[in-house]
N, C-alpha and C. Protein backbone atom coordinates (compact mmCIF):
# COMPACT_ATOMS: atom_id res chain seq x y z
N MET A 1 64.33 133.55 147.83
CA MET A 1 65.40 132.63 148.26
C MET A 1 66.65 133.16 147.02
N LYS A 2 67.98 133.25 147.96
CA LYS A 2 69.01 133.68 147.62
C LYS A 2 69.83 132.61 146.92
N THR A 3 69.86 131.41 147.62
CA THR A 3 70.52 130.23 147.35
C THR A 3 69.96 128.97 148.08
N ALA A 4 70.04 127.90 147.31
CA ALA A 4 69.26 126.68 147.72
C ALA A 4 70.35 125.97 148.74
N VAL A 5 71.67 125.96 148.40
CA VAL A 5 72.90 125.31 149.41
C VAL A 5 73.37 126.34 150.19
N ASP A 6 73.33 125.73 151.68
CA ASP A 6 74.02 126.73 152.70
C ASP A 6 75.76 126.26 152.89
N ASN A 7 75.64 124.73 152.76
CA ASN A 7 77.25 124.38 152.78
C ASN A 7 77.43 123.22 151.71
N VAL A 8 78.61 123.12 151.30
CA VAL A 8 79.01 122.16 150.44
C VAL A 8 79.70 121.12 151.03
N HIS A 9 79.45 119.98 151.32
CA HIS A 9 80.36 119.00 151.97
C HIS A 9 81.10 117.91 151.01
N LYS A 10 81.56 116.95 151.36
CA LYS A 10 82.33 115.91 150.44
C LYS A 10 81.42 115.44 149.60
N GLY A 11 81.77 114.86 148.33
CA GLY A 11 80.79 114.53 147.44
C GLY A 11 79.68 115.20 147.06
N LYS A 12 78.51 114.44 147.09
CA LYS A 12 77.24 115.42 146.69
C LYS A 12 76.49 115.70 147.86
N GLU A 13 77.05 115.63 148.95
CA GLU A 13 76.23 116.12 150.20
C GLU A 13 76.30 117.49 150.43
N ARG A 14 75.03 118.13 150.77
CA ARG A 14 74.76 119.40 150.78
C ARG A 14 73.78 119.71 152.10
N SER A 15 74.12 120.76 152.64
CA SER A 15 73.17 121.38 153.61
C SER A 15 72.45 122.60 152.82
N VAL A 16 71.07 122.21 152.80
CA VAL A 16 70.28 123.25 152.10
C VAL A 16 69.47 124.06 152.86
N ASN A 17 69.03 125.23 152.29
CA ASN A 17 68.46 126.26 153.02
C ASN A 17 67.17 125.89 153.36
N ALA A 18 66.71 126.37 154.50
CA ALA A 18 65.32 125.75 155.16
C ALA A 18 64.24 126.04 154.29
N ARG A 19 64.04 127.17 153.58
CA ARG A 19 63.20 127.55 152.67
C ARG A 19 63.16 126.73 151.37
N PHE A 20 64.38 126.17 150.97
CA PHE A 20 64.35 125.28 149.79
C PHE A 20 63.91 123.95 150.29
N ALA A 21 64.18 123.60 151.43
CA ALA A 21 63.67 122.36 151.96
C ALA A 21 62.37 122.21 151.97
N ALA A 22 61.77 123.43 152.39
CA ALA A 22 60.37 123.53 152.58
C ALA A 22 59.48 123.41 151.19
N MET A 23 60.33 124.21 150.19
CA MET A 23 59.67 124.09 148.92
C MET A 23 59.83 122.64 148.23
N CYS A 24 60.92 121.83 148.59
CA CYS A 24 60.96 120.55 148.11
C CYS A 24 59.78 119.66 148.71
N GLY A 25 59.64 119.82 149.97
CA GLY A 25 58.50 119.07 150.67
C GLY A 25 57.24 119.44 150.10
N HIS A 26 57.02 120.64 149.69
CA HIS A 26 55.61 121.12 149.25
C HIS A 26 55.41 120.68 147.71
N TYR A 27 56.45 120.52 146.73
CA TYR A 27 56.12 120.26 145.72
C TYR A 27 56.62 118.76 145.21
N LEU A 28 56.77 118.01 146.32
CA LEU A 28 57.38 116.57 146.35
C LEU A 28 58.42 116.31 145.39
N PHE A 29 59.62 116.89 145.45
CA PHE A 29 60.88 116.55 144.52
C PHE A 29 62.03 116.18 145.53
N GLU A 30 62.77 115.59 144.96
CA GLU A 30 64.28 115.26 145.74
C GLU A 30 65.23 115.84 145.02
N THR A 31 66.31 116.49 145.78
CA THR A 31 67.47 116.98 145.07
C THR A 31 68.46 116.14 144.80
N ASP A 32 69.22 116.24 143.59
CA ASP A 32 70.26 115.61 142.88
C ASP A 32 71.34 116.56 142.64
N PHE A 33 72.18 116.87 143.44
CA PHE A 33 73.09 118.00 143.36
C PHE A 33 74.46 117.33 142.59
N CYS A 34 74.98 118.24 141.42
CA CYS A 34 76.39 117.76 140.91
C CYS A 34 77.51 118.32 141.65
N ASP A 35 78.73 117.64 141.59
CA ASP A 35 79.81 117.84 142.33
C ASP A 35 80.11 119.54 141.74
N VAL A 36 81.08 120.23 142.67
CA VAL A 36 81.28 121.51 142.28
C VAL A 36 82.17 121.49 141.11
N ALA A 37 82.36 122.43 140.14
CA ALA A 37 83.06 122.48 139.07
C ALA A 37 83.14 121.38 138.33
N SER A 38 81.99 120.51 137.99
CA SER A 38 82.18 119.37 137.21
C SER A 38 80.64 119.39 136.20
N GLY A 39 80.89 120.21 135.25
CA GLY A 39 80.10 120.59 134.12
C GLY A 39 79.70 119.16 133.56
N TRP A 40 80.65 118.31 133.29
CA TRP A 40 80.29 117.11 132.47
C TRP A 40 79.29 116.23 133.11
N GLU A 41 78.75 116.51 134.60
CA GLU A 41 77.78 115.95 135.17
C GLU A 41 76.40 116.47 134.64
N LYS A 42 76.27 117.54 134.34
CA LYS A 42 75.10 118.12 133.84
C LYS A 42 74.88 117.83 132.40
N GLY A 43 75.34 117.17 131.77
CA GLY A 43 75.24 116.65 130.36
C GLY A 43 74.69 117.56 129.41
N ILE A 44 73.44 117.44 129.14
CA ILE A 44 72.50 117.94 127.83
C ILE A 44 72.38 119.38 128.27
N VAL A 45 72.43 119.93 129.59
CA VAL A 45 72.26 121.19 129.82
C VAL A 45 73.14 122.31 129.58
N GLU A 46 74.84 121.70 129.82
CA GLU A 46 75.82 122.44 129.53
C GLU A 46 75.92 122.31 128.12
N LYS A 47 75.83 121.49 127.47
CA LYS A 47 75.77 121.28 125.85
C LYS A 47 74.99 122.09 125.05
N ASN A 48 74.15 122.55 125.58
CA ASN A 48 73.07 123.34 125.01
C ASN A 48 73.42 125.02 125.20
N VAL A 49 74.17 125.20 126.01
CA VAL A 49 74.28 126.70 126.40
C VAL A 49 75.04 127.51 125.31
N PRO A 50 76.17 126.86 124.56
CA PRO A 50 76.63 127.64 123.31
C PRO A 50 75.74 127.60 122.25
N ALA A 51 74.74 126.79 121.87
CA ALA A 51 73.90 126.71 120.94
C ALA A 51 72.55 127.72 121.40
N ALA A 52 72.35 127.86 122.59
CA ALA A 52 71.38 129.03 123.03
C ALA A 52 71.80 130.14 122.79
N THR A 53 73.33 130.56 123.20
CA THR A 53 73.91 131.84 123.16
C THR A 53 74.04 132.31 121.68
N GLU A 54 74.22 131.27 120.74
CA GLU A 54 74.45 131.83 119.13
C GLU A 54 73.19 131.84 118.76
N SER A 55 72.10 131.51 119.09
CA SER A 55 70.86 131.48 118.56
C SER A 55 70.30 132.67 118.78
N TRP A 56 70.43 133.43 119.85
CA TRP A 56 69.90 134.22 120.71
C TRP A 56 70.06 135.61 119.86
N PRO A 57 68.98 136.39 119.60
CA PRO A 57 69.26 137.52 118.58
C PRO A 57 69.86 138.83 119.31
N ARG A 58 70.97 139.35 118.49
CA ARG A 58 71.87 140.32 119.31
C ARG A 58 71.18 141.67 119.32
N SER A 59 71.24 142.69 119.88
CA SER A 59 70.62 143.98 120.10
C SER A 59 71.62 145.01 119.40
């Protein structure tokens, strides 16, 4: 599956890929999308990105 979202509409409305919708139905979870370019909505995930990249060993 290349992407979960086919089209982005106003607010948090999305048209999702048919295969993604089938997977959501199979695993019984609901989607909750963030607004486009709104990293503050993702909270702890975005906060931990610098910590993860700094602690990752360099080759």
